[in-house]
Amino acid sequence: MNKFAIIGGSAVPHFKKMQIIREETVLTPFGETSAPLLYGKFADQDMVFLDRHGHTRTTPPCLLYTSDA
């Protein structure tokens, strides 16, 4: 089975076919990611999603990709 990951906007987790199984907060050498990683399934494929603006959409573009890289 293929696995994939998406770094995307806040609307992606709201797709009806996406089933979120668990969340994991990740600490990188640059700090915490903008949001917890969401592990789940989309169309029967294992996937991981990172919301680049955070769950509450409070991370401005000028602060993106510092810890998400």
PDB file of N, CA and C in Angstrom:
ATOM      1  N   MET A   1       0.835  -1.176   0.000  1.00  0.00           N
ATOM      2  CA  MET A   1       0.000   0.000   0.000  1.00  0.00           C
ATOM      3  C   MET A   1       0.882   1.242   0.000  1.00  0.00           C
ATOM      4  N   ASN A   2       0.542   2.204  -0.822  1.00  0.00           N
ATOM      5  CA  ASN A   2       1.277   3.459  -0.880  1.00  0.00           C
ATOM      6  C   ASN A   2       0.932   4.334   0.315  1.00  0.00           C
ATOM      7  N   LYS A   3       1.892   5.139   0.725  1.00  0.00           N
ATOM      8  CA  LYS A   3       1.683   6.122   1.777  1.00  0.00           C
ATOM      9  C   LYS A   3       2.057   7.475   1.213  1.00  0.00           C
ATOM     10  N   PHE A   4       1.386   8.523   1.665  1.00  0.00           N
ATOM     11  CA  PHE A   4       1.743   9.853   1.195  1.00  0.00           C
ATOM     12  C   PHE A   4       1.520  10.874   2.290  1.00  0.00           C
ATOM     13  N   ALA A   5       2.127  12.049   2.102  1.00  0.00           N
ATOM     14  CA  ALA A   5       2.008  13.145   3.053  1.00  0.00           C
ATOM     15  C   ALA A   5       1.663  14.417   2.297  1.00  0.00           C
ATOM     16  N   ILE A   6       0.916  15.298   2.964  1.00  0.00           N
ATOM     17  CA  ILE A   6       0.511  16.564   2.371  1.00  0.00           C
ATOM     18  C   ILE A   6       0.827  17.679   3.365  1.00  0.00           C
ATOM     19  N   ILE A   7       1.471  18.732   2.888  1.00  0.00           N
ATOM     20  CA  ILE A   7       1.570  19.980   3.634  1.00  0.00           C
ATOM     21  C   ILE A   7       0.629  20.915   2.910  1.00  0.00           C
ATOM     22  N   GLY A   8      -0.460  21.290   3.566  1.00  0.00           N
ATOM     23  CA  GLY A   8      -1.468  22.051   2.853  1.00  0.00           C
ATOM     24  C   GLY A   8      -2.205  23.037   3.718  1.00  0.00           C
ATOM     25  N   GLY A   9      -3.236  23.597   3.134  1.00  0.00           N
ATOM     26  CA  GLY A   9      -4.058  24.579   3.810  1.00  0.00           C
ATOM     27  C   GLY A   9      -5.046  23.948   4.770  1.00  0.00           C
ATOM     28  N   SER A  10      -5.745  24.792   5.462  1.00  0.00           N
ATOM     29  CA  SER A  10      -6.608  24.341   6.545  1.00  0.00           C
ATOM     30  C   SER A  10      -7.858  23.609   6.071  1.00  0.00           C
ATOM     31  N   ALA A  11      -8.213  23.677   4.813  1.00  0.00           N
ATOM     32  CA  ALA A  11      -9.429  23.031   4.329  1.00  0.00           C
ATOM     33  C   ALA A  11      -9.244  21.546   4.065  1.00  0.00           C
ATOM     34  N   VAL A  12      -8.029  21.081   3.876  1.00  0.00           N
ATOM     35  CA  VAL A  12      -7.800  19.688   3.481  1.00  0.00           C
ATOM     36  C   VAL A  12      -8.371  18.684   4.490  1.00  0.00           C
ATOM     37  N   PRO A  13      -8.202  18.850   5.822  1.00  0.00           N
ATOM     38  CA  PRO A  13      -8.748  17.845   6.744  1.00  0.00           C
ATOM     39  C   PRO A  13     -10.262  17.750   6.726  1.00  0.00           C
ATOM     40  N   HIS A  14     -10.936  18.688   6.082  1.00  0.00           N
ATOM     41  CA  HIS A  14     -12.392  18.662   6.062  1.00  0.00           C
ATOM     42  C   HIS A  14     -12.953  17.876   4.880  1.00  0.00           C
ATOM     43  N   PHE A  15     -12.094  17.288   4.062  1.00  0.00           N
ATOM     44  CA  PHE A  15     -12.579  16.432   2.976  1.00  0.00           C
ATOM     45  C   PHE A  15     -13.361  15.278   3.582  1.00  0.00           C
ATOM     46  N   LYS A  16     -14.484  14.960   3.014  1.00  0.00           N
ATOM     47  CA  LYS A  16     -15.351  13.923   3.584  1.00  0.00           C
ATOM     48  C   LYS A  16     -14.709  12.540   3.584  1.00  0.00           C
ATOM     49  N   LYS A  17     -13.810  12.276   2.646  1.00  0.00           N
ATOM     50  CA  LYS A  17     -13.199  10.947   2.564  1.00  0.00           C
ATOM     51  C   LYS A  17     -12.003  10.790   3.491  1.00  0.00           C
ATOM     52  N   MET A  18     -11.597  11.842   4.167  1.00  0.00           N
ATOM     53  CA  MET A  18     -10.434  11.768   5.046  1.00  0.00           C
ATOM     54  C   MET A  18     -10.858  11.317   6.438  1.00  0.00           C
ATOM     55  N   GLN A  19     -10.238  10.241   6.903  1.00  0.00           N
ATOM     56  CA  GLN A  19     -10.497   9.721   8.243  1.00  0.00           C
ATOM     57  C   GLN A  19      -9.246   9.940   9.084  1.00  0.00           C
ATOM     58  N   ILE A  20      -9.330  10.810  10.084  1.00  0.00           N
ATOM     59  CA  ILE A  20      -8.192  11.077  10.955  1.00  0.00           C
ATOM     60  C   ILE A  20      -8.159  10.038  12.063  1.00  0.00           C
ATOM     61  N   ILE A  21      -7.016   9.350  12.185  1.00  0.00           N
ATOM     62  CA  ILE A  21      -6.857   8.280  13.167  1.00  0.00           C
ATOM     63  C   ILE A  21      -6.177   8.786  14.429  1.00  0.00           C
ATOM     64  N   ARG A  22      -5.151   9.625  14.260  1.00  0.00           N
ATOM     65  CA  ARG A  22      -4.451  10.152  15.435  1.00  0.00           C
ATOM     66  C   ARG A  22      -3.720  11.435  15.070  1.00  0.00           C
ATOM     67  N   GLU A  23      -3.388  12.209  16.110  1.00  0.00           N
ATOM     68  CA  GLU A  23      -2.608  13.426  15.965  1.00  0.00           C
ATOM     69  C   GLU A  23      -1.313  13.261  16.739  1.00  0.00           C
ATOM     70  N   GLU A  24      -0.235  13.857  16.237  1.00  0.00           N
ATOM     71  CA  GLU A  24       1.048  13.779  16.928  1.00  0.00           C
ATOM     72  C   GLU A  24       1.750  15.139  16.843  1.00  0.00           C
ATOM     73  N   THR A  25       2.073  15.689  18.005  1.00  0.00           N
ATOM     74  CA  THR A  25       2.850  16.924  18.048  1.00  0.00           C
ATOM     75  C   THR A  25       4.311  16.568  17.840  1.00  0.00           C
ATOM     76  N   VAL A  26       4.978  17.289  16.946  1.00  0.00           N
ATOM     77  CA  VAL A  26       6.352  16.969  16.582  1.00  0.00           C
ATOM     78  C   VAL A  26       7.255  18.150  16.924  1.00  0.00           C
ATOM     79  N   LEU A  27       8.354  17.853  17.590  1.00  0.00           N
ATOM     80  CA  LEU A  27       9.366  18.860  17.890  1.00  0.00           C
ATOM     81  C   LEU A  27      10.558  18.614  16.983  1.00  0.00           C
ATOM     82  N   THR A  28      10.874  19.600  16.148  1.00  0.00           N
ATOM     83  CA  THR A  28      12.007  19.498  15.229  1.00  0.00           C
ATOM     84  C   THR A  28      13.168  20.311  15.804  1.00  0.00           C
ATOM     85  N   PRO A  29      14.345  20.243  15.215  1.00  0.00           N
ATOM     86  CA  PRO A  29      15.454  21.089  15.676  1.00  0.00           C
ATOM     87  C   PRO A  29      15.138  22.590  15.587  1.00  0.00           C
ATOM     88  N   PHE A  30      14.091  22.954  14.827  1.00  0.00           N
ATOM     89  CA  PHE A  30      13.710  24.352  14.637  1.00  0.00           C
ATOM     90  C   PHE A  30      12.500  24.750  15.470  1.00  0.00           C
ATOM     91  N   GLY A  31      12.000  23.864  16.287  1.00  0.00           N
ATOM     92  CA  GLY A  31      10.818  24.126  17.100  1.00  0.00           C
ATOM     93  C   GLY A  31       9.672  23.208  16.715  1.00  0.00           C
ATOM     94  N   GLU A  32       8.508  23.446  17.332  1.00  0.00           N
ATOM     95  CA  GLU A  32       7.325  22.634  17.010  1.00  0.00           C
ATOM     96  C   GLU A  32       6.832  22.974  15.610  1.00  0.00           C
ATOM     97  N   THR A  33       6.228  21.990  14.962  1.00  0.00           N
ATOM     98  CA  THR A  33       5.616  22.242  13.665  1.00  0.00           C
ATOM     99  C   THR A  33       4.422  23.177  13.863  1.00  0.00           C
ATOM    100  N   SER A  34       3.921  23.755  12.783  1.00  0.00           N
ATOM    101  CA  SER A  34       2.834  24.726  12.859  1.00  0.00           C
ATOM    102  C   SER A  34       1.551  24.134  13.421  1.00  0.00           C
ATOM    103  N   ALA A  35       1.411  22.836  13.330  1.00  0.00           N
ATOM    104  CA  ALA A  35       0.241  22.126  13.852  1.00  0.00           C
ATOM    105  C   ALA A  35       0.650  20.674  14.075  1.00  0.00           C
ATOM    106  N   PRO A  36      -0.126  19.924  14.850  1.00  0.00           N
ATOM    107  CA  PRO A  36       0.182  18.502  14.986  1.00  0.00           C
ATOM    108  C   PRO A  36       0.041  17.786  13.637  1.00  0.00           C
ATOM    109  N   LEU A  37       0.828  16.746  13.443  1.00  0.00           N
ATOM    110  CA  LEU A  37       0.663  15.909  12.259  1.00  0.00           C
ATOM    111  C   LEU A  37      -0.622  15.114  12.424  1.00  0.00           C
ATOM    112  N   LEU A  38      -1.422  15.046  11.374  1.00  0.00           N
ATOM    113  CA  LEU A  38      -2.654  14.270  11.390  1.00  0.00           C
ATOM    114  C   LEU A  38      -2.422  12.998  10.589  1.00  0.00           C
ATOM    115  N   TYR A  39      -2.498  11.858  11.249  1.00  0.00           N
ATOM    116  CA  TYR A  39      -2.334  10.559  10.592  1.00  0.00           C
ATOM    117  C   TYR A  39      -3.723  10.016  10.313  1.00  0.00           C
ATOM    118  N   GLY A  40      -3.910   9.472   9.118  1.00  0.00           N
ATOM    119  CA  GLY A  40      -5.218   8.943   8.800  1.00  0.00           C
ATOM    120  C   GLY A  40      -5.237   8.211   7.485  1.00  0.00           C
ATOM    121  N   LYS A  41      -6.442   8.128   6.937  1.00  0.00           N
ATOM    122  CA  LYS A  41      -6.648   7.454   5.656  1.00  0.00           C
ATOM    123  C   LYS A  41      -7.441   8.382   4.749  1.00  0.00           C
ATOM    124  N   PHE A  42      -7.087   8.345   3.478  1.00  0.00           N
ATOM    125  CA  PHE A  42      -7.809   9.077   2.447  1.00  0.00           C
ATOM    126  C   PHE A  42      -7.943   8.141   1.262  1.00  0.00           C
ATOM    127  N   ALA A  43      -9.174   7.831   0.889  1.00  0.00           N
ATOM    128  CA  ALA A  43      -9.436   6.896  -0.216  1.00  0.00           C
ATOM    129  C   ALA A  43      -8.670   5.589  -0.004  1.00  0.00           C
ATOM    130  N   ASP A  44      -8.719   5.068   1.227  1.00  0.00           N
ATOM    131  CA  ASP A  44      -8.075   3.799   1.604  1.00  0.00           C
ATOM    132  C   ASP A  44      -6.552   3.821   1.510  1.00  0.00           C
ATOM    133  N   GLN A  45      -5.943   4.987   1.497  1.00  0.00           N
ATOM    134  CA  GLN A  45      -4.487   5.110   1.481  1.00  0.00           C
ATOM    135  C   GLN A  45      -4.036   5.728   2.801  1.00  0.00           C
ATOM    136  N   ASP A  46      -2.937   5.200   3.376  1.00  0.00           N
ATOM    137  CA  ASP A  46      -2.363   5.798   4.578  1.00  0.00           C
ATOM    138  C   ASP A  46      -1.783   7.158   4.224  1.00  0.00           C
ATOM    139  N   MET A  47      -2.015   8.144   5.080  1.00  0.00           N
ATOM    140  CA  MET A  47      -1.519   9.475   4.794  1.00  0.00           C
ATOM    141  C   MET A  47      -1.208  10.228   6.074  1.00  0.00           C
ATOM    142  N   VAL A  48      -0.407  11.284   5.927  1.00  0.00           N
ATOM    143  CA  VAL A  48      -0.086  12.213   7.009  1.00  0.00           C
ATOM    144  C   VAL A  48      -0.328  13.612   6.455  1.00  0.00           C
ATOM    145  N   PHE A  49      -0.963  14.471   7.267  1.00  0.00           N
ATOM    146  CA  PHE A  49      -1.248  15.838   6.836  1.00  0.00           C
ATOM    147  C   PHE A  49      -0.693  16.822   7.847  1.00  0.00           C
ATOM    148  N   LEU A  50      -0.060  17.889   7.355  1.00  0.00           N
ATOM    149  CA  LEU A  50       0.410  18.980   8.195  1.00  0.00           C
ATOM    150  C   LEU A  50      -0.263  20.262   7.710  1.00  0.00           C
ATOM    151  N   ASP A  51      -1.034  20.880   8.594  1.00  0.00           N
ATOM    152  CA  ASP A  51      -1.710  22.139   8.279  1.00  0.00           C
ATOM    153  C   ASP A  51      -0.704  23.273   8.425  1.00  0.00           C
ATOM    154  N   ARG A  52      -0.304  23.867   7.339  1.00  0.00           N
ATOM    155  CA  ARG A  52       0.798  24.828   7.358  1.00  0.00           C
ATOM    156  C   ARG A  52       0.479  26.120   8.110  1.00  0.00           C
ATOM    157  N   HIS A  53      -0.795  26.439   8.311  1.00  0.00           N
ATOM    158  CA  HIS A  53      -1.160  27.645   9.051  1.00  0.00           C
ATOM    159  C   HIS A  53      -1.650  27.332  10.460  1.00  0.00           C
ATOM    160  N   GLY A  54      -1.593  26.084  10.881  1.00  0.00           N
ATOM    161  CA  GLY A  54      -2.073  25.698  12.203  1.00  0.00           C
ATOM    162  C   GLY A  54      -3.573  25.465  12.192  1.00  0.00           C
ATOM    163  N   HIS A  55      -4.055  24.711  13.177  1.00  0.00           N
ATOM    164  CA  HIS A  55      -5.487  24.389  13.239  1.00  0.00           C
ATOM    165  C   HIS A  55      -6.355  25.636  13.391  1.00  0.00           C
ATOM    166  N   THR A  56      -5.831  26.647  14.037  1.00  0.00           N
ATOM    167  CA  THR A  56      -6.620  27.860  14.263  1.00  0.00           C
ATOM    168  C   THR A  56      -6.282  28.965  13.264  1.00  0.00           C
ATOM    169  N   ARG A  57      -5.483  28.638  12.266  1.00  0.00           N
ATOM    170  CA  ARG A  57      -5.075  29.563  11.200  1.00  0.00           C
ATOM    171  C   ARG A  57      -4.421  30.825  11.771  1.00  0.00           C
ATOM    172  N   THR A  58      -3.565  30.652  12.754  1.00  0.00           N
ATOM    173  CA  THR A  58      -2.921  31.799  13.389  1.00  0.00           C
ATOM    174  C   THR A  58      -1.453  31.968  13.000  1.00  0.00           C
ATOM    175  N   THR A  59      -0.901  31.044  12.215  1.00  0.00           N
ATOM    176  CA  THR A  59       0.502  31.154  11.811  1.00  0.00           C
ATOM    177  C   THR A  59       0.574  31.942  10.508  1.00  0.00           C
ATOM    178  N   PRO A  60       1.110  33.162  10.531  1.00  0.00           N
ATOM    179  CA  PRO A  60       1.171  33.962   9.301  1.00  0.00           C
ATOM    180  C   PRO A  60       2.218  33.414   8.329  1.00  0.00           C
ATOM    181  N   PRO A  61       2.074  33.717   7.040  1.00  0.00           N
ATOM    182  CA  PRO A  61       3.004  33.207   6.032  1.00  0.00           C
ATOM    183  C   PRO A  61       4.472  33.523   6.312  1.00  0.00           C
ATOM    184  N   CYS A  62       4.761  34.655   6.948  1.00  0.00           N
ATOM    185  CA  CYS A  62       6.153  35.007   7.188  1.00  0.00           C
ATOM    186  C   CYS A  62       6.832  34.081   8.200  1.00  0.00           C
ATOM    187  N   LEU A  63       6.044  33.324   8.960  1.00  0.00           N
ATOM    188  CA  LEU A  63       6.604  32.390   9.942  1.00  0.00           C
ATOM    189  C   LEU A  63       6.551  30.939   9.483  1.00  0.00           C
ATOM    190  N   LEU A  64       6.077  30.689   8.287  1.00  0.00           N
ATOM    191  CA  LEU A  64       5.952  29.316   7.795  1.00  0.00           C
ATOM    192  C   LEU A  64       7.297  28.733   7.402  1.00  0.00           C
ATOM    193  N   TYR A  65       7.363  27.411   7.439  1.00  0.00           N
ATOM    194  CA  TYR A  65       8.479  26.607   6.960  1.00  0.00           C
ATOM    195  C   TYR A  65       9.738  26.717   7.809  1.00  0.00           C
ATOM    196  N   THR A  66       9.695  27.407   8.912  1.00  0.00           N
ATOM    197  CA  THR A  66      10.874  27.407   9.779  1.00  0.00           C
ATOM    198  C   THR A  66      10.996  26.076  10.503  1.00  0.00           C
ATOM    199  N   SER A  67       9.907  25.605  11.083  1.00  0.00           N
ATOM    200  CA  SER A  67       9.962  24.329  11.783  1.00  0.00           C
ATOM    201  C   SER A  67       9.301  23.219  10.984  1.00  0.00           C
ATOM    202  N   ASP A  68       8.620  23.551   9.887  1.00  0.00           N
ATOM    203  CA  ASP A  68       7.933  22.536   9.092  1.00  0.00           C
ATOM    204  C   ASP A  68       8.820  21.891   8.050  1.00  0.00           C
ATOM    205  N   ALA A  69      10.050  22.365   7.915  1.00  0.00           N
ATOM    206  CA  ALA A  69      10.926  21.855   6.860  1.00  0.00           C
ATOM    207  C   ALA A  69      11.386  20.453   7.152  1.00  0.00           C
TER     208      ALA A  69
END
